C-alpha atoms as a PDB file:
ATOM      1  CA  MET A   1     115.996  88.296 113.109  1.00  0.00           C
ATOM      2  CA  LEU A   2     118.818  91.815 112.387  1.00  0.00           C
ATOM      3  CA  ILE A   3     116.723  94.311 110.864  1.00  0.00           C
ATOM      4  CA  THR A   4     118.760  96.967 110.050  1.00  0.00           C
ATOM      5  CA  HIS A   5     117.771 101.063 109.888  1.00  0.00           C
ATOM      6  CA  ASP A   6     116.976 101.180 106.060  1.00  0.00           C
ATOM      7  CA  THR A   7     114.894  97.582 106.205  1.00  0.00           C
ATOM      8  CA  ARG A   8     112.795  99.331 109.314  1.00  0.00           C
ATOM      9  CA  CYS A   9     111.976 102.129 107.098  1.00  0.00           C
ATOM     10  CA  ALA A  10     111.434 100.428 104.124  1.00  0.00           C
ATOM     11  CA  LEU A  11     108.792  97.725 106.749  1.00  0.00           C
ATOM     12  CA  ASP A  12     107.263 100.865 107.821  1.00  0.00           C
ATOM     13  CA  LEU A  13     106.484 102.455 104.474  1.00  0.00           C
ATOM     14  CA  VAL A  14     104.854  99.065 103.035  1.00  0.00           C
ATOM     15  CA  VAL A  15     102.813  98.793 106.205  1.00  0.00           C
ATOM     16  CA  ASP A  16     101.959 102.786 106.052  1.00  0.00           C
ATOM     17  CA  LEU A  17     100.697 101.952 101.772  1.00  0.00           C
ATOM     18  CA  VAL A  18      99.511  98.857 102.459  1.00  0.00           C
ATOM     19  CA  ASN A  19      97.111 101.049 104.818  1.00  0.00           C
ATOM     20  CA  THR A  20      96.190 103.407 102.937  1.00  0.00           C
ATOM     21  CA  ALA A  21      93.822 100.973 100.416  1.00  0.00           C
ATOM     22  CA  PRO A  22      90.053 101.934 101.507  1.00  0.00           C
ATOM     23  CA  GLU A  23      88.713  99.002 103.091  1.00  0.00           C
ATOM     24  CA  GLY A  24      84.891  98.349 103.304  1.00  0.00           C
ATOM     25  CA  ASP A  25      82.818 101.780 103.105  1.00  0.00           C
ATOM     26  CA  GLU A  26      86.592 104.065 104.231  1.00  0.00           C
ATOM     27  CA  ALA A  27      87.939 106.225 101.787  1.00  0.00           C
ATOM     28  CA  ASP A  28      90.793 105.897  99.646  1.00  0.00           C
ATOM     29  CA  THR A  29      93.889 107.928 102.019  1.00  0.00           C
ATOM     30  CA  LEU A  30      95.955 108.372  98.541  1.00  0.00           C
ATOM     31  CA  PRO A  31      93.118 110.219  96.575  1.00  0.00           C
ATOM     32  CA  ASP A  32      95.925 112.126  94.639  1.00  0.00           C
ATOM     33  CA  VAL A  33      98.898 113.433  93.607  1.00  0.00           C
ATOM     34  CA  ALA A  34      99.492 115.123  96.454  1.00  0.00           C
ATOM     35  CA  THR A  35      99.164 113.522  98.758  1.00  0.00           C
ATOM     36  CA  LEU A  36     101.234 110.825  97.279  1.00  0.00           C
ATOM     37  CA  ASP A  37     104.111 113.781  97.395  1.00  0.00           C
ATOM     38  CA  ASP A  38     103.771 113.797 101.331  1.00  0.00           C
ATOM     39  CA  PHE A  39     103.151 110.678 101.487  1.00  0.00           C
ATOM     40  CA  ALA A  40     106.668 110.627  99.695  1.00  0.00           C
ATOM     41  CA  ARG A  41     108.512 113.393 101.840  1.00  0.00           C
ATOM     42  CA  ASN A  42     107.432 112.415 104.627  1.00  0.00           C
ATOM     43  CA  HIS A  43     109.331 108.803 104.490  1.00  0.00           C
ATOM     44  CA  ASP A  44     112.031 110.799 103.341  1.00  0.00           C
ATOM     45  CA  LEU A  45     112.211 108.564 100.022  1.00  0.00           C
ATOM     46  CA  SER A  46     115.535 110.089  98.697  1.00  0.00           C
ATOM     47  CA  ASP A  47     115.190 110.525  94.134  1.00  0.00           C
ATOM     48  CA  VAL A  48     112.067 111.875  94.069  1.00  0.00           C
ATOM     49  CA  GLY A  49     111.384 113.815  91.352  1.00  0.00           C
ATOM     50  CA  VAL A  50     107.941 116.017  90.836  1.00  0.00           C
ATOM     51  CA  LEU A  51     105.452 113.069  90.836  1.00  0.00           C
ATOM     52  CA  SER A  52     102.327 112.523  87.983  1.00  0.00           C
ATOM     53  CA  GLU A  53      98.797 110.820  87.697  1.00  0.00           C
ATOM     54  CA  PHE A  54     101.119 107.788  86.144  1.00  0.00           C
ATOM     55  CA  ASP A  55     103.563 107.559  89.534  1.00  0.00           C
ATOM     56  CA  LEU A  56     100.232 107.638  91.775  1.00  0.00           C
ATOM     57  CA  SER A  57      98.375 104.789  89.962  1.00  0.00           C
ATOM     58  CA  ALA A  58     101.263 102.878  89.443  1.00  0.00           C
ATOM     59  CA  VAL A  59     101.571 102.991  93.683  1.00  0.00           C
ATOM     60  CA  ARG A  60      98.340 102.243  93.994  1.00  0.00           C
ATOM     61  CA  LYS A  61      98.921  99.376  91.638  1.00  0.00           C
ATOM     62  CA  ILE A  62     101.906  98.196  93.777  1.00  0.00           C
ATOM     63  CA  ARG A  63      99.662  98.596  97.055  1.00  0.00           C
ATOM     64  CA  GLY A  64      97.296  95.905  96.075  1.00  0.00           C
ATOM     65  CA  ARG A  65     100.639  93.382  95.417  1.00  0.00           C
ATOM     66  CA  PHE A  66     101.689  94.224  98.416  1.00  0.00           C
ATOM     67  CA  ALA A  67      98.783  93.476  99.919  1.00  0.00           C
ATOM     68  CA  ALA A  68      98.536  89.707  98.920  1.00  0.00           C
ATOM     69  CA  VAL A  69     101.490  89.652 100.939  1.00  0.00           C
ATOM     70  CA  PHE A  70     100.271  90.526 104.481  1.00  0.00           C
ATOM     71  CA  ALA A  71      97.423  88.147 102.825  1.00  0.00           C
ATOM     72  CA  ALA A  72      99.852  84.869 101.751  1.00  0.00           C
ATOM     73  CA  HIS A  73      99.017  82.332 104.062  1.00  0.00           C
ATOM     74  CA  ASP A  74     102.254  80.351 102.864  1.00  0.00           C
ATOM     75  CA  ALA A  75     106.051  81.244 102.468  1.00  0.00           C
ATOM     76  CA  ARG A  76     106.523  80.099  98.343  1.00  0.00           C
ATOM     77  CA  THR A  77     103.211  82.514  97.852  1.00  0.00           C
ATOM     78  CA  ALA A  78     105.448  85.206  99.352  1.00  0.00           C
ATOM     79  CA  ALA A  79     107.755  85.134  97.814  1.00  0.00           C
ATOM     80  CA  GLY A  80     106.167  84.897  94.415  1.00  0.00           C
ATOM     81  CA  LEU A  81     105.087  87.675  94.968  1.00  0.00           C
ATOM     82  CA  ILE A  82     107.781  89.881  96.243  1.00  0.00           C
ATOM     83  CA  ASN A  83     109.674  88.209  92.688  1.00  0.00           C
ATOM     84  CA  GLU A  84     107.337  90.009  91.128  1.00  0.00           C
ATOM     85  CA  LEU A  85     107.481  93.015  92.475  1.00  0.00           C
ATOM     86  CA  VAL A  86     111.682  93.318  93.127  1.00  0.00           C
ATOM     87  CA  ALA A  87     111.881  92.093  89.809  1.00  0.00           C
ATOM     88  CA  ALA A  88     109.445  94.425  87.562  1.00  0.00           C
ATOM     89  CA  ALA A  89     111.490  97.542  89.474  1.00  0.00           C
ATOM     90  CA  GLY A  90     114.015  96.469  87.813  1.00  0.00           C
ATOM     91  CA  THR A  91     116.361  95.967  91.084  1.00  0.00           C
ATOM     92  CA  THR A  92     120.339  97.420  90.955  1.00  0.00           C
ATOM     93  CA  PRO A  93     121.163  97.008  94.263  1.00  0.00           C
ATOM     94  CA  ARG A  94     123.981  99.603  96.021  1.00  0.00           C
ATOM     95  CA  LEU A  95     125.763 101.191  98.386  1.00  0.00           C
ATOM     96  CA  THR A  96     124.738 104.246  99.280  1.00  0.00           C
ATOM     97  CA  ASP A  97     125.474 107.147 102.157  1.00  0.00           C
ATOM     98  CA  HIS A  98     123.358 110.296 102.730  1.00  0.00           C
ATOM     99  CA  ASP A  99     121.221 112.693 104.060  1.00  0.00           C
ATOM    100  CA  GLY A 100     122.804 112.152 107.751  1.00  0.00           C
ATOM    101  CA  TYR A 101     122.280 107.900 107.746  1.00  0.00           C
ATOM    102  CA  ASP A 102     125.754 105.427 107.954  1.00  0.00           C
ATOM    103  CA  TRP A 103     125.888 102.657 105.025  1.00  0.00           C
ATOM    104  CA  HIS A 104     123.204 101.082 103.526  1.00  0.00           C
ATOM    105  CA  VAL A 105     121.893 100.039 100.445  1.00  0.00           C
ATOM    106  CA  HIS A 106     119.722 100.899  98.330  1.00  0.00           C
ATOM    107  CA  TYR A 107     117.574  98.117  95.304  1.00  0.00           C
ATOM    108  CA  PHE A 108     115.755 100.991  93.371  1.00  0.00           C
ATOM    109  CA  ALA A 109     118.013 102.694  90.305  1.00  0.00           C
ATOM    110  CA  PRO A 110     119.833 105.597  90.223  1.00  0.00           C
ATOM    111  CA  GLY A 111     116.246 108.079  89.152  1.00  0.00           C
ATOM    112  CA  ALA A 112     113.506 105.055  88.834  1.00  0.00           C
ATOM    113  CA  SER A 113     110.102 106.559  89.340  1.00  0.00           C
ATOM    114  CA  VAL A 114     108.909 106.374  93.039  1.00  0.00           C
ATOM    115  CA  ALA A 115     106.607 102.966  92.102  1.00  0.00           C
ATOM    116  CA  ASP A 116     109.535 101.025  91.570  1.00  0.00           C
ATOM    117  CA  HIS A 117     111.810 102.819  94.389  1.00  0.00           C
ATOM    118  CA  ILE A 118     108.895 100.941  96.865  1.00  0.00           C
ATOM    119  CA  ALA A 119     108.638  98.450  94.922  1.00  0.00           C
ATOM    120  CA  ALA A 120     112.270  97.165  95.019  1.00  0.00           C
ATOM    121  CA  ASP A 121     113.137  98.436  98.958  1.00  0.00           C
ATOM    122  CA  CYS A 122     110.148  97.242 100.401  1.00  0.00           C
ATOM    123  CA  GLY A 123     110.067  94.324  98.307  1.00  0.00           C
ATOM    124  CA  MET A 124     113.685  93.132  99.534  1.00  0.00           C
ATOM    125  CA  ALA A 125     112.423  94.653 103.337  1.00  0.00           C
ATOM    126  CA  LEU A 126     109.567  90.990 103.002  1.00  0.00           C
ATOM    127  CA  ALA A 127     111.743  89.479 101.136  1.00  0.00           C
ATOM    128  CA  PHE A 128     114.097  89.306 104.246  1.00  0.00           C
ATOM    129  CA  PHE A 129     111.256  87.777 106.260  1.00  0.00           C
ATOM    130  CA  VAL A 130     110.410  84.937 104.327  1.00  0.00           C
ATOM    131  CA  VAL A 131     113.882  84.396 104.250  1.00  0.00           C
ATOM    132  CA  ALA A 132     114.401  84.017 106.988  1.00  0.00           C
ATOM    133  CA  GLY A 133     110.949  82.265 108.136  1.00  0.00           C
ATOM    134  CA  GLU A 134     109.119  84.395 109.413  1.00  0.00           C
ATOM    135  CA  GLN A 135     106.725  85.498 106.314  1.00  0.00           C
ATOM    136  CA  GLU A 136     103.817  85.292 109.760  1.00  0.00           C
ATOM    137  CA  ARG A 137     105.178  88.093 110.953  1.00  0.00           C
ATOM    138  CA  LEU A 138     103.537  89.960 108.220  1.00  0.00           C
ATOM    139  CA  ARG A 139     100.123  90.120 109.296  1.00  0.00           C
ATOM    140  CA  ARG A 140      96.860  91.682 109.220  1.00  0.00           C
ATOM    141  CA  CYS A 141      95.117  92.993 112.265  1.00  0.00           C
ATOM    142  CA  GLU A 142      92.495  90.357 113.695  1.00  0.00           C
ATOM    143  CA  ALA A 143      90.080  92.740 115.284  1.00  0.00           C
ATOM    144  CA  PRO A 144      86.659  92.121 113.471  1.00  0.00           C
ATOM    145  CA  ASP A 145      86.503  95.658 112.075  1.00  0.00           C
ATOM    146  CA  CYS A 146      89.649  95.893 111.113  1.00  0.00           C
ATOM    147  CA  ARG A 147      92.084  94.723 108.335  1.00  0.00           C
ATOM    148  CA  ARG A 148      95.254  96.896 108.902  1.00  0.00           C
ATOM    149  CA  ALA A 149      98.406  95.780 108.088  1.00  0.00           C
ATOM    150  CA  PHE A 150     101.014  95.173 110.358  1.00  0.00           C
ATOM    151  CA  VAL A 151     104.777  93.891 110.971  1.00  0.00           C
ATOM    152  CA  ASP A 152     104.715  92.063 113.909  1.00  0.00           C
ATOM    153  CA  LEU A 153     108.435  92.190 115.957  1.00  0.00           C
ATOM    154  CA  SER A 154     107.537  90.870 118.982  1.00  0.00           C
ATOM    155  CA  ARG A 155     110.186  88.827 120.620  1.00  0.00           C
ATOM    156  CA  ASN A 156     107.311  85.450 121.097  1.00  0.00           C
ATOM    157  CA  ARG A 157     105.773  86.878 117.509  1.00  0.00           C
ATOM    158  CA  SER A 158     102.268  87.763 120.185  1.00  0.00           C
ATOM    159  CA  ARG A 159     101.322  90.963 118.815  1.00  0.00           C
ATOM    160  CA  ARG A 160      97.483  90.200 117.122  1.00  0.00           C
ATOM    161  CA  TYR A 161      96.775  93.788 116.854  1.00  0.00           C
ATOM    162  CA  CYS A 162      97.789  96.183 114.345  1.00  0.00           C
ATOM    163  CA  ASP A 163      97.725  99.253 118.044  1.00  0.00           C
ATOM    164  CA  SER A 164      97.000  97.429 121.215  1.00  0.00           C
ATOM    165  CA  ARG A 165      96.151 100.277 121.979  1.00  0.00           C
ATOM    166  CA  THR A 166      93.362 100.890 119.872  1.00  0.00           C
ATOM    167  CA  CYS A 167      92.531  97.707 117.999  1.00  0.00           C
ATOM    168  CA  GLY A 168      93.616  95.711 121.075  1.00  0.00           C
ATOM    169  CA  ASN A 169      92.378  97.200 123.558  1.00  0.00           C
ATOM    170  CA  ARG A 170      88.309  98.297 122.688  1.00  0.00           C
ATOM    171  CA  LEU A 171      88.341  94.275 122.452  1.00  0.00           C
ATOM    172  CA  HIS A 172      89.627  94.089 125.940  1.00  0.00           C
ATOM    173  CA  VAL A 173      87.878  95.912 127.024  1.00  0.00           C
ATOM    174  CA  ALA A 174      84.804  94.588 124.933  1.00  0.00           C
ATOM    175  CA  ALA A 175      85.452  90.659 126.118  1.00  0.00           C
ATOM    176  CA  TYR A 176      85.389  92.744 129.813  1.00  0.00           C
ATOM    177  CA  ARG A 177      82.160  94.307 130.005  1.00  0.00           C
ATOM    178  CA  ALA A 178      79.969  91.274 128.019  1.00  0.00           C
ATOM    179  CA  ARG A 179      82.108  88.927 130.895  1.00  0.00           C
ATOM    180  CA  ARG A 180      80.200  91.900 133.760  1.00  0.00           C
ATOM    181  CA  LYS A 181      77.519  91.518 132.053  1.00  0.00           C
ATOM    182  CA  GLU A 182      77.626  87.511 132.267  1.00  0.00           C
ATOM    183  CA  ALA A 183      78.052  87.493 135.627  1.00  0.00           C
ATOM    184  CA  ALA A 184      75.806  90.275 136.801  1.00  0.00           C
ATOM    185  CA  GLY A 185      72.903  87.959 134.522  1.00  0.00           C
END
C-alpha cells in the first residue's frame, strides 16, 4: 500500500488526536484552546485561523468519532463512521503545493474550521485503509494498561503495541521475570 507524505501526516495527526482523549483516570491532554492551537501548529495544519472554544468542542467531538473507527470490528462499520465524518466536513478535494511540499490533495474546503479540516483529511487517510482492505491495521495497543491508538505499518501486520520500547518491552520483561520466578520455583 502506497502511503504518500500527506496521508502519513494525516495518519500521525489522527492517531495523536485519538490519543489525547482521557483513558480511565487520565486527564484529557487536549484541555483548552491554547493546547489545541499548539496541537494544530505541531501538526503543520495549514489554513487554521484563530481558534475558539467552539473549535475545541468540535475537535473533541470528532476525536470521539475517530476513536470509534479504531474500535470498529469490521470494515463496514469503519466505512460508515468514516463516511459520516467526511460528509459532515463537506469535503472539497483540491490539489495544492504549499510550504515546500510537492503537489498533494487537501480534502477540506478553503476556510474550513479546524475540525472540518481534520475530519476531511484524516477521514480520507483512514478511508484509504478500508478501500485497500487494510482496516485491521487501525489498532489499539494490546498492553493491558494501555489502549492508545496506532496504525500498524509493519510489513507483516504484526505490530501489537503502540510503542515497542515502552508497552512492548514492559510486557516482555514482565513475562521474562515471571518465567524466571516460575523456574526458580
